[in-house]
């Protein structure tokens, strides 16, 4: 109730300001001030700067080391200079870390117009515009023009989908905003856009992971490791994803609980680490938080 009241008061104030030139100037200054806010993350020896224009991005930054530690561990396992695809890059926290910590050539796939500005700002703020390439195209199983549906228009928002009507659980997506855009398969991205094949592939798109794998046989045949978010309870997603990754010669090495029923980060590898290395990284296949 208090949040709704605050929203109404702010909305009314902004609406009132928009009727005068000085009001419009003040409104613009507030927006610019919000977008210029930055926060620094120190993770090990790596110092990174991120835009924090709202509470959501502040949360993403403050939980950088704790929200998905297995993602950071996966990135730290990547050889120096490798090609990485970050599919569903959002505002680029992991793209920046991969480029900064491992000197990777990162291709950050992010179709949300609300996240792209922050993604670009974060890449630039860390002087990584020579290492990180933004690809503002949705990945799916084939070349198509379709609707990109979002459940939030906030900077840094997630839970969106391209060309389908379900969410990460397989339930009906409750979108509040959508627009039509172009999507393509991973194989298309290589052949049409001449993007180099990834040695390391991260996929987190909240529902259509299996569609992306379906359109990327030529990519999966070359990749060394995949980190992918899968919901075990969404059988169409989990079963097809496991089959396609297995057919590509990859094996499931670790499965990390994301704190949502059935939701895991799955770490697939072409060659499992030696027992000594595996023991040092994880005592079990499943990591609970």
C-alpha atoms as a PDB file:
ATOM      1  CA  UNK A   1       0.000   0.000   0.000  1.00  0.00           C
ATOM      2  CA  UNK A   2       2.796   2.425   0.932  1.00  0.00           C
ATOM      3  CA  UNK A   3       4.639   1.602  -2.295  1.00  0.00           C
ATOM      4  CA  UNK A   4       1.528   2.261  -4.376  1.00  0.00           C
ATOM      5  CA  UNK A   5       0.968   5.547  -2.571  1.00  0.00           C
ATOM      6  CA  UNK A   6       4.571   6.570  -3.180  1.00  0.00           C
ATOM      7  CA  UNK A   7       4.227   5.670  -6.862  1.00  0.00           C
ATOM      8  CA  UNK A   8       1.098   7.791  -7.201  1.00  0.00           C
ATOM      9  CA  UNK A   9       2.736  10.762  -5.476  1.00  0.00           C
ATOM     10  CA  UNK A  10       5.849  10.534  -7.648  1.00  0.00           C
ATOM     11  CA  UNK A  11       3.797  10.058 -10.808  1.00  0.00           C
ATOM     12  CA  UNK A  12       1.680  13.087  -9.952  1.00  0.00           C
ATOM     13  CA  UNK A  13       4.748  15.184  -9.206  1.00  0.00           C
ATOM     14  CA  UNK A  14       6.441  14.245 -12.481  1.00  0.00           C
ATOM     15  CA  UNK A  15       3.230  14.889 -14.403  1.00  0.00           C
ATOM     16  CA  UNK A  16       2.980  18.316 -12.808  1.00  0.00           C
ATOM     17  CA  UNK A  17       6.582  19.164 -13.620  1.00  0.00           C
ATOM     18  CA  UNK A  18       6.081  18.239 -17.279  1.00  0.00           C
ATOM     19  CA  UNK A  19       3.741  21.217 -17.812  1.00  0.00           C
ATOM     20  CA  UNK A  20       6.475  23.851 -17.477  1.00  0.00           C
ATOM     21  CA  UNK A  21       9.896  24.290 -19.101  1.00  0.00           C
ATOM     22  CA  UNK A  22      11.648  24.464 -15.730  1.00  0.00           C
ATOM     23  CA  UNK A  23       9.737  21.356 -14.639  1.00  0.00           C
ATOM     24  CA  UNK A  24      10.782  19.442 -17.738  1.00  0.00           C
ATOM     25  CA  UNK A  25      14.379  20.533 -17.133  1.00  0.00           C
ATOM     26  CA  UNK A  26      14.253  19.318 -13.527  1.00  0.00           C
ATOM     27  CA  UNK A  27      12.707  15.996 -14.612  1.00  0.00           C
ATOM     28  CA  UNK A  28      15.481  15.481 -17.158  1.00  0.00           C
ATOM     29  CA  UNK A  29      18.124  16.280 -14.541  1.00  0.00           C
ATOM     30  CA  UNK A  30      16.650  13.640 -12.231  1.00  0.00           C
ATOM     31  CA  UNK A  31      16.699  11.007 -14.971  1.00  0.00           C
ATOM     32  CA  UNK A  32      20.277  11.910 -15.927  1.00  0.00           C
ATOM     33  CA  UNK A  33      21.357  11.847 -12.280  1.00  0.00           C
ATOM     34  CA  UNK A  34      19.845   8.389 -11.792  1.00  0.00           C
ATOM     35  CA  UNK A  35      21.581   7.006 -14.882  1.00  0.00           C
ATOM     36  CA  UNK A  36      24.939   8.485 -13.846  1.00  0.00           C
ATOM     37  CA  UNK A  37      24.927   6.651 -10.504  1.00  0.00           C
ATOM     38  CA  UNK A  38      27.641   3.987 -10.368  1.00  0.00           C
ATOM     39  CA  UNK A  39      28.821   1.360  -7.932  1.00  0.00           C
ATOM     40  CA  UNK A  40      32.179  -0.422  -7.760  1.00  0.00           C
ATOM     41  CA  UNK A  41      32.549  -4.166  -7.256  1.00  0.00           C
ATOM     42  CA  UNK A  42      35.859  -5.526  -6.013  1.00  0.00           C
ATOM     43  CA  UNK A  43      35.966  -9.270  -6.618  1.00  0.00           C
ATOM     44  CA  UNK A  44      39.366 -10.755  -5.889  1.00  0.00           C
ATOM     45  CA  UNK A  45      41.894  -8.757  -7.883  1.00  0.00           C
ATOM     46  CA  UNK A  46      39.255  -7.411 -10.246  1.00  0.00           C
ATOM     47  CA  UNK A  47      37.655  -4.000  -9.866  1.00  0.00           C
ATOM     48  CA  UNK A  48      34.497  -3.366 -11.910  1.00  0.00           C
ATOM     49  CA  UNK A  49      32.187  -0.374 -12.230  1.00  0.00           C
ATOM     50  CA  UNK A  50      28.472  -0.730 -12.920  1.00  0.00           C
ATOM     51  CA  UNK A  51      25.586   1.675 -13.474  1.00  0.00           C
ATOM     52  CA  UNK A  52      22.996   1.550 -10.669  1.00  0.00           C
ATOM     53  CA  UNK A  53      20.077   3.792 -11.707  1.00  0.00           C
ATOM     54  CA  UNK A  54      17.508   1.843  -9.683  1.00  0.00           C
ATOM     55  CA  UNK A  55      17.084  -0.613  -6.812  1.00  0.00           C
ATOM     56  CA  UNK A  56      17.219  -3.642  -9.138  1.00  0.00           C
ATOM     57  CA  UNK A  57      20.669  -2.838 -10.470  1.00  0.00           C
ATOM     58  CA  UNK A  58      21.847  -1.955  -6.982  1.00  0.00           C
ATOM     59  CA  UNK A  59      20.693  -5.431  -5.898  1.00  0.00           C
ATOM     60  CA  UNK A  60      22.482  -7.074  -8.824  1.00  0.00           C
ATOM     61  CA  UNK A  61      25.714  -5.316  -7.902  1.00  0.00           C
ATOM     62  CA  UNK A  62      25.548  -5.891  -4.135  1.00  0.00           C
ATOM     63  CA  UNK A  63      24.877  -9.626  -4.667  1.00  0.00           C
ATOM     64  CA  UNK A  64      27.504 -10.031  -7.388  1.00  0.00           C
ATOM     65  CA  UNK A  65      29.640 -12.447  -5.331  1.00  0.00           C
ATOM     66  CA  UNK A  66      26.800 -14.344  -3.654  1.00  0.00           C
ATOM     67  CA  UNK A  67      23.833 -14.663  -6.038  1.00  0.00           C
ATOM     68  CA  UNK A  68      25.398 -17.172  -8.469  1.00  0.00           C
ATOM     69  CA  UNK A  69      28.883 -18.131  -7.220  1.00  0.00           C
ATOM     70  CA  UNK A  70      28.962 -21.088  -9.631  1.00  0.00           C
ATOM     71  CA  UNK A  71      28.688 -18.654 -12.564  1.00  0.00           C
ATOM     72  CA  UNK A  72      31.746 -16.785 -11.329  1.00  0.00           C
ATOM     73  CA  UNK A  73      33.543 -20.107 -10.812  1.00  0.00           C
ATOM     74  CA  UNK A  74      32.600 -21.200 -14.337  1.00  0.00           C
ATOM     75  CA  UNK A  75      33.990 -17.947 -15.756  1.00  0.00           C
ATOM     76  CA  UNK A  76      37.177 -18.319 -13.715  1.00  0.00           C
ATOM     77  CA  UNK A  77      37.667 -21.783 -15.272  1.00  0.00           C
ATOM     78  CA  UNK A  78      37.770 -20.330 -18.806  1.00  0.00           C
ATOM     79  CA  UNK A  79      41.213 -20.159 -20.466  1.00  0.00           C
ATOM     80  CA  UNK A  80      42.608 -16.700 -21.095  1.00  0.00           C
ATOM     81  CA  UNK A  81      41.449 -15.118 -24.348  1.00  0.00           C
ATOM     82  CA  UNK A  82      38.685 -17.625 -25.139  1.00  0.00           C
ATOM     83  CA  UNK A  83      35.568 -16.714 -27.121  1.00  0.00           C
ATOM     84  CA  UNK A  84      32.493 -16.589 -24.878  1.00  0.00           C
ATOM     85  CA  UNK A  85      28.837 -16.123 -25.798  1.00  0.00           C
ATOM     86  CA  UNK A  86      26.736 -14.634 -23.013  1.00  0.00           C
ATOM     87  CA  UNK A  87      23.178 -15.348 -24.185  1.00  0.00           C
ATOM     88  CA  UNK A  88      20.733 -13.317 -22.125  1.00  0.00           C
ATOM     89  CA  UNK A  89      23.437 -10.906 -21.000  1.00  0.00           C
ATOM     90  CA  UNK A  90      20.996  -8.540 -19.227  1.00  0.00           C
ATOM     91  CA  UNK A  91      23.093  -5.511 -18.133  1.00  0.00           C
ATOM     92  CA  UNK A  92      26.387  -7.339 -18.606  1.00  0.00           C
ATOM     93  CA  UNK A  93      27.719  -8.174 -15.148  1.00  0.00           C
ATOM     94  CA  UNK A  94      29.058 -11.556 -16.267  1.00  0.00           C
ATOM     95  CA  UNK A  95      30.151 -10.298 -19.698  1.00  0.00           C
ATOM     96  CA  UNK A  96      32.228  -7.635 -17.976  1.00  0.00           C
ATOM     97  CA  UNK A  97      33.697 -10.127 -15.517  1.00  0.00           C
ATOM     98  CA  UNK A  98      34.647 -12.617 -18.258  1.00  0.00           C
ATOM     99  CA  UNK A  99      36.359  -9.897 -20.287  1.00  0.00           C
ATOM    100  CA  UNK A 100      38.031  -8.343 -17.251  1.00  0.00           C
ATOM    101  CA  UNK A 101      39.129 -11.486 -15.394  1.00  0.00           C
ATOM    102  CA  UNK A 102      39.921 -13.828 -18.297  1.00  0.00           C
ATOM    103  CA  UNK A 103      40.575 -11.392 -21.168  1.00  0.00           C
ATOM    104  CA  UNK A 104      37.814 -13.160 -23.102  1.00  0.00           C
ATOM    105  CA  UNK A 105      36.288 -12.018 -26.368  1.00  0.00           C
ATOM    106  CA  UNK A 106      32.661 -11.816 -25.286  1.00  0.00           C
ATOM    107  CA  UNK A 107      29.576 -11.660 -27.499  1.00  0.00           C
ATOM    108  CA  UNK A 108      26.748 -10.383 -25.311  1.00  0.00           C
ATOM    109  CA  UNK A 109      23.320 -11.293 -26.734  1.00  0.00           C
ATOM    110  CA  UNK A 110      20.568  -9.090 -25.265  1.00  0.00           C
ATOM    111  CA  UNK A 111      17.372  -8.115 -27.124  1.00  0.00           C
ATOM    112  CA  UNK A 112      15.775  -5.975 -24.386  1.00  0.00           C
ATOM    113  CA  UNK A 113      15.817  -2.297 -25.330  1.00  0.00           C
ATOM    114  CA  UNK A 114      15.576  -1.472 -21.625  1.00  0.00           C
ATOM    115  CA  UNK A 115      18.757  -3.391 -20.769  1.00  0.00           C
ATOM    116  CA  UNK A 116      20.866  -2.511 -23.789  1.00  0.00           C
ATOM    117  CA  UNK A 117      21.695   1.009 -22.628  1.00  0.00           C
ATOM    118  CA  UNK A 118      22.983  -0.226 -19.273  1.00  0.00           C
ATOM    119  CA  UNK A 119      24.846  -3.073 -20.961  1.00  0.00           C
ATOM    120  CA  UNK A 120      26.615  -0.541 -23.200  1.00  0.00           C
ATOM    121  CA  UNK A 121      27.294   1.803 -20.278  1.00  0.00           C
ATOM    122  CA  UNK A 122      28.780  -1.009 -18.177  1.00  0.00           C
ATOM    123  CA  UNK A 123      31.041  -2.197 -20.982  1.00  0.00           C
ATOM    124  CA  UNK A 124      32.248   1.353 -21.600  1.00  0.00           C
ATOM    125  CA  UNK A 125      32.701   2.161 -17.889  1.00  0.00           C
ATOM    126  CA  UNK A 126      35.146  -0.743 -17.631  1.00  0.00           C
ATOM    127  CA  UNK A 127      37.009   0.179 -20.862  1.00  0.00           C
ATOM    128  CA  UNK A 128      36.007  -3.156 -22.429  1.00  0.00           C
ATOM    129  CA  UNK A 129      34.460  -1.906 -25.679  1.00  0.00           C
ATOM    130  CA  UNK A 130      37.330  -3.614 -27.518  1.00  0.00           C
ATOM    131  CA  UNK A 131      36.618  -6.976 -25.854  1.00  0.00           C
ATOM    132  CA  UNK A 132      32.815  -7.126 -25.531  1.00  0.00           C
ATOM    133  CA  UNK A 133      30.540  -7.023 -28.581  1.00  0.00           C
ATOM    134  CA  UNK A 134      26.859  -6.253 -28.057  1.00  0.00           C
ATOM    135  CA  UNK A 135      24.504  -8.355 -30.167  1.00  0.00           C
ATOM    136  CA  UNK A 136      20.975  -6.857 -29.780  1.00  0.00           C
ATOM    137  CA  UNK A 137      19.241  -9.887 -31.277  1.00  0.00           C
ATOM    138  CA  UNK A 138      17.135 -12.601 -29.686  1.00  0.00           C
ATOM    139  CA  UNK A 139      18.354 -16.169 -30.158  1.00  0.00           C
ATOM    140  CA  UNK A 140      15.873 -18.955 -30.855  1.00  0.00           C
ATOM    141  CA  UNK A 141      15.672 -22.043 -33.107  1.00  0.00           C
ATOM    142  CA  UNK A 142      15.339 -20.304 -36.507  1.00  0.00           C
ATOM    143  CA  UNK A 143      15.399 -16.972 -38.312  1.00  0.00           C
ATOM    144  CA  UNK A 144      12.102 -15.215 -37.590  1.00  0.00           C
ATOM    145  CA  UNK A 145      10.350 -11.943 -36.891  1.00  0.00           C
ATOM    146  CA  UNK A 146       8.252 -12.313 -33.767  1.00  0.00           C
ATOM    147  CA  UNK A 147       7.228 -10.679 -30.494  1.00  0.00           C
ATOM    148  CA  UNK A 148       9.619 -10.066 -27.655  1.00  0.00           C
ATOM    149  CA  UNK A 149       7.498 -10.137 -24.502  1.00  0.00           C
ATOM    150  CA  UNK A 150       8.525  -8.602 -21.181  1.00  0.00           C
ATOM    151  CA  UNK A 151       7.183  -8.814 -17.640  1.00  0.00           C
ATOM    152  CA  UNK A 152       9.052  -5.626 -16.664  1.00  0.00           C
ATOM    153  CA  UNK A 153      10.237  -2.446 -18.346  1.00  0.00           C
ATOM    154  CA  UNK A 154      12.675  -1.621 -15.529  1.00  0.00           C
ATOM    155  CA  UNK A 155      16.345  -1.135 -16.335  1.00  0.00           C
ATOM    156  CA  UNK A 156      17.906  -4.495 -15.530  1.00  0.00           C
ATOM    157  CA  UNK A 157      14.613  -6.379 -15.694  1.00  0.00           C
ATOM    158  CA  UNK A 158      14.438 -10.078 -16.568  1.00  0.00           C
ATOM    159  CA  UNK A 159      11.773 -12.759 -17.163  1.00  0.00           C
ATOM    160  CA  UNK A 160      11.136 -12.059 -20.833  1.00  0.00           C
ATOM    161  CA  UNK A 161      10.796 -14.309 -23.872  1.00  0.00           C
ATOM    162  CA  UNK A 162      10.995 -14.234 -27.656  1.00  0.00           C
ATOM    163  CA  UNK A 163       8.463 -15.870 -29.956  1.00  0.00           C
ATOM    164  CA  UNK A 164       6.742 -17.894 -27.237  1.00  0.00           C
ATOM    165  CA  UNK A 165       4.143 -17.328 -24.525  1.00  0.00           C
ATOM    166  CA  UNK A 166       5.586 -19.220 -21.543  1.00  0.00           C
ATOM    167  CA  UNK A 167       7.944 -18.367 -18.699  1.00  0.00           C
ATOM    168  CA  UNK A 168      10.873 -20.221 -17.104  1.00  0.00           C
ATOM    169  CA  UNK A 169       8.445 -22.628 -15.398  1.00  0.00           C
ATOM    170  CA  UNK A 170       6.539 -23.416 -18.582  1.00  0.00           C
ATOM    171  CA  UNK A 171       3.528 -21.433 -17.313  1.00  0.00           C
ATOM    172  CA  UNK A 172       1.789 -18.663 -19.246  1.00  0.00           C
ATOM    173  CA  UNK A 173       3.943 -15.532 -19.334  1.00  0.00           C
ATOM    174  CA  UNK A 174       2.237 -12.486 -17.848  1.00  0.00           C
ATOM    175  CA  UNK A 175       3.710  -9.857 -20.115  1.00  0.00           C
ATOM    176  CA  UNK A 176       3.128  -6.131 -19.631  1.00  0.00           C
ATOM    177  CA  UNK A 177       4.999  -4.930 -22.721  1.00  0.00           C
ATOM    178  CA  UNK A 178       6.016  -6.326 -26.097  1.00  0.00           C
ATOM    179  CA  UNK A 179       7.431  -5.364 -29.471  1.00  0.00           C
ATOM    180  CA  UNK A 180       8.286  -7.196 -32.660  1.00  0.00           C
ATOM    181  CA  UNK A 181      11.913  -7.811 -33.497  1.00  0.00           C
ATOM    182  CA  UNK A 182      14.217 -10.212 -35.305  1.00  0.00           C
ATOM    183  CA  UNK A 183      15.429 -13.495 -33.882  1.00  0.00           C
ATOM    184  CA  UNK A 184      17.845 -16.061 -35.236  1.00  0.00           C
ATOM    185  CA  UNK A 185      19.513 -19.312 -34.307  1.00  0.00           C
ATOM    186  CA  UNK A 186      23.017 -19.687 -32.942  1.00  0.00           C
ATOM    187  CA  UNK A 187      24.010 -21.274 -36.251  1.00  0.00           C
ATOM    188  CA  UNK A 188      22.595 -18.234 -38.084  1.00  0.00           C
ATOM    189  CA  UNK A 189      24.622 -15.911 -35.864  1.00  0.00           C
ATOM    190  CA  UNK A 190      27.782 -17.707 -36.935  1.00  0.00           C
ATOM    191  CA  UNK A 191      27.008 -18.017 -40.652  1.00  0.00           C
ATOM    192  CA  UNK A 192      25.185 -14.719 -41.294  1.00  0.00           C
ATOM    193  CA  UNK A 193      26.815 -12.376 -38.782  1.00  0.00           C
ATOM    194  CA  UNK A 194      30.240 -14.075 -38.913  1.00  0.00           C
ATOM    195  CA  UNK A 195      30.416 -14.243 -35.128  1.00  0.00           C
ATOM    196  CA  UNK A 196      33.135 -16.725 -34.147  1.00  0.00           C
ATOM    197  CA  UNK A 197      32.043 -19.990 -32.560  1.00  0.00           C
ATOM    198  CA  UNK A 198      32.121 -19.901 -28.758  1.00  0.00           C
ATOM    199  CA  UNK A 199      34.417 -22.181 -26.846  1.00  0.00           C
ATOM    200  CA  UNK A 200      32.328 -21.311 -23.774  1.00  0.00           C
ATOM    201  CA  UNK A 201      28.582 -20.728 -23.830  1.00  0.00           C
ATOM    202  CA  UNK A 202      26.362 -19.257 -21.109  1.00  0.00           C
ATOM    203  CA  UNK A 203      22.578 -19.313 -21.636  1.00  0.00           C
ATOM    204  CA  UNK A 204      20.077 -17.714 -19.265  1.00  0.00           C
ATOM    205  CA  UNK A 205      16.923 -16.561 -21.070  1.00  0.00           C
ATOM    206  CA  UNK A 206      14.153 -17.593 -18.669  1.00  0.00           C
ATOM    207  CA  UNK A 207      12.336 -20.264 -20.640  1.00  0.00           C
ATOM    208  CA  UNK A 208      13.402 -20.875 -24.245  1.00  0.00           C
ATOM    209  CA  UNK A 209      16.811 -22.383 -23.543  1.00  0.00           C
ATOM    210  CA  UNK A 210      15.799 -25.579 -25.374  1.00  0.00           C
ATOM    211  CA  UNK A 211      14.783 -23.585 -28.472  1.00  0.00           C
ATOM    212  CA  UNK A 212      18.209 -21.946 -28.516  1.00  0.00           C
ATOM    213  CA  UNK A 213      19.962 -25.316 -28.208  1.00  0.00           C
ATOM    214  CA  UNK A 214      17.714 -26.681 -30.966  1.00  0.00           C
ATOM    215  CA  UNK A 215      19.040 -24.040 -33.342  1.00  0.00           C
ATOM    216  CA  UNK A 216      22.686 -24.459 -32.439  1.00  0.00           C
ATOM    217  CA  UNK A 217      23.887 -27.961 -33.331  1.00  0.00           C
ATOM    218  CA  UNK A 218      26.926 -26.590 -35.179  1.00  0.00           C
ATOM    219  CA  UNK A 219      27.791 -24.450 -32.157  1.00  0.00           C
ATOM    220  CA  UNK A 220      27.375 -27.212 -29.587  1.00  0.00           C
ATOM    221  CA  UNK A 221      29.651 -29.533 -31.559  1.00  0.00           C
ATOM    222  CA  UNK A 222      32.555 -27.117 -31.004  1.00  0.00           C
ATOM    223  CA  UNK A 223      31.902 -25.769 -27.520  1.00  0.00           C
ATOM    224  CA  UNK A 224      34.037 -26.866 -24.577  1.00  0.00           C
ATOM    225  CA  UNK A 225      31.613 -25.996 -21.788  1.00  0.00           C
ATOM    226  CA  UNK A 226      28.054 -24.739 -21.325  1.00  0.00           C
ATOM    227  CA  UNK A 227      26.493 -23.067 -18.293  1.00  0.00           C
ATOM    228  CA  UNK A 228      22.714 -23.097 -18.746  1.00  0.00           C
ATOM    229  CA  UNK A 229      19.755 -22.321 -16.486  1.00  0.00           C
ATOM    230  CA  UNK A 230      17.200 -25.145 -16.549  1.00  0.00           C
ATOM    231  CA  UNK A 231      13.977 -25.853 -14.643  1.00  0.00           C
ATOM    232  CA  UNK A 232      13.719 -29.585 -13.953  1.00  0.00           C
ATOM    233  CA  UNK A 233       9.965 -29.256 -13.508  1.00  0.00           C
ATOM    234  CA  UNK A 234       9.544 -27.806 -17.000  1.00  0.00           C
ATOM    235  CA  UNK A 235       9.942 -31.164 -18.710  1.00  0.00           C
ATOM    236  CA  UNK A 236       9.813 -29.939 -22.322  1.00  0.00           C
ATOM    237  CA  UNK A 237      12.736 -27.673 -21.549  1.00  0.00           C
ATOM    238  CA  UNK A 238      14.782 -29.955 -19.301  1.00  0.00           C
ATOM    239  CA  UNK A 239      14.448 -33.151 -21.341  1.00  0.00           C
ATOM    240  CA  UNK A 240      15.185 -31.610 -24.739  1.00  0.00           C
ATOM    241  CA  UNK A 241      18.085 -29.577 -23.334  1.00  0.00           C
ATOM    242  CA  UNK A 242      19.695 -32.646 -21.768  1.00  0.00           C
ATOM    243  CA  UNK A 243      19.251 -34.648 -24.963  1.00  0.00           C
ATOM    244  CA  UNK A 244      20.757 -31.991 -27.236  1.00  0.00           C
ATOM    245  CA  UNK A 245      23.709 -31.301 -24.954  1.00  0.00           C
ATOM    246  CA  UNK A 246      24.364 -35.034 -24.603  1.00  0.00           C
ATOM    247  CA  UNK A 247      24.172 -35.581 -28.364  1.00  0.00           C
ATOM    248  CA  UNK A 248      26.819 -32.868 -28.757  1.00  0.00           C
ATOM    249  CA  UNK A 249      29.206 -34.932 -26.624  1.00  0.00           C
ATOM    250  CA  UNK A 250      28.826 -32.888 -23.447  1.00  0.00           C
ATOM    251  CA  UNK A 251      28.288 -34.339 -19.971  1.00  0.00           C
ATOM    252  CA  UNK A 252      26.595 -32.806 -16.951  1.00  0.00           C
ATOM    253  CA  UNK A 253      29.274 -32.124 -14.347  1.00  0.00           C
ATOM    254  CA  UNK A 254      27.525 -29.937 -11.778  1.00  0.00           C
ATOM    255  CA  UNK A 255      24.002 -28.865 -10.949  1.00  0.00           C
ATOM    256  CA  UNK A 256      23.597 -25.800  -8.750  1.00  0.00           C
ATOM    257  CA  UNK A 257      20.381 -24.913  -6.930  1.00  0.00           C
ATOM    258  CA  UNK A 258      19.127 -21.371  -7.658  1.00  0.00           C
ATOM    259  CA  UNK A 259      16.734 -21.237  -4.720  1.00  0.00           C
ATOM    260  CA  UNK A 260      13.598 -21.591  -6.875  1.00  0.00           C
ATOM    261  CA  UNK A 261      11.834 -24.995  -6.973  1.00  0.00           C
ATOM    262  CA  UNK A 262      13.310 -27.003  -9.837  1.00  0.00           C
ATOM    263  CA  UNK A 263      15.573 -24.193 -11.020  1.00  0.00           C
ATOM    264  CA  UNK A 264      19.274 -24.983 -11.506  1.00  0.00           C
ATOM    265  CA  UNK A 265      22.390 -23.725 -13.176  1.00  0.00           C
ATOM    266  CA  UNK A 266      23.715 -26.746 -15.060  1.00  0.00           C
ATOM    267  CA  UNK A 267      27.428 -26.915 -15.855  1.00  0.00           C
ATOM    268  CA  UNK A 268      28.113 -29.141 -18.875  1.00  0.00           C
ATOM    269  CA  UNK A 269      31.620 -30.034 -20.048  1.00  0.00           C
ATOM    270  CA  UNK A 270      33.161 -31.910 -22.934  1.00  0.00           C
ATOM    271  CA  UNK A 271      35.912 -33.377 -20.774  1.00  0.00           C
ATOM    272  CA  UNK A 272      35.186 -33.690 -17.050  1.00  0.00           C
ATOM    273  CA  UNK A 273      37.980 -32.333 -14.817  1.00  0.00           C
ATOM    274  CA  UNK A 274      40.397 -34.758 -13.226  1.00  0.00           C
ATOM    275  CA  UNK A 275      39.253 -36.104  -9.832  1.00  0.00           C
ATOM    276  CA  UNK A 276      41.656 -33.824  -7.948  1.00  0.00           C
ATOM    277  CA  UNK A 277      40.398 -30.706  -9.713  1.00  0.00           C
ATOM    278  CA  UNK A 278      36.771 -31.768  -9.413  1.00  0.00           C
ATOM    279  CA  UNK A 279      37.134 -32.384  -5.663  1.00  0.00           C
ATOM    280  CA  UNK A 280      38.666 -28.965  -5.141  1.00  0.00           C
ATOM    281  CA  UNK A 281      35.794 -27.282  -6.981  1.00  0.00           C
ATOM    282  CA  UNK A 282      32.762 -29.154  -5.713  1.00  0.00           C
ATOM    283  CA  UNK A 283      32.134 -31.893  -3.206  1.00  0.00           C
ATOM    284  CA  UNK A 284      28.838 -32.818  -4.877  1.00  0.00           C
ATOM    285  CA  UNK A 285      27.072 -32.572  -8.191  1.00  0.00           C
ATOM    286  CA  UNK A 286      24.477 -30.345  -6.544  1.00  0.00           C
ATOM    287  CA  UNK A 287      25.319 -27.139  -4.709  1.00  0.00           C
ATOM    288  CA  UNK A 288      22.590 -25.833  -2.393  1.00  0.00           C
ATOM    289  CA  UNK A 289      22.160 -22.246  -1.291  1.00  0.00           C
END
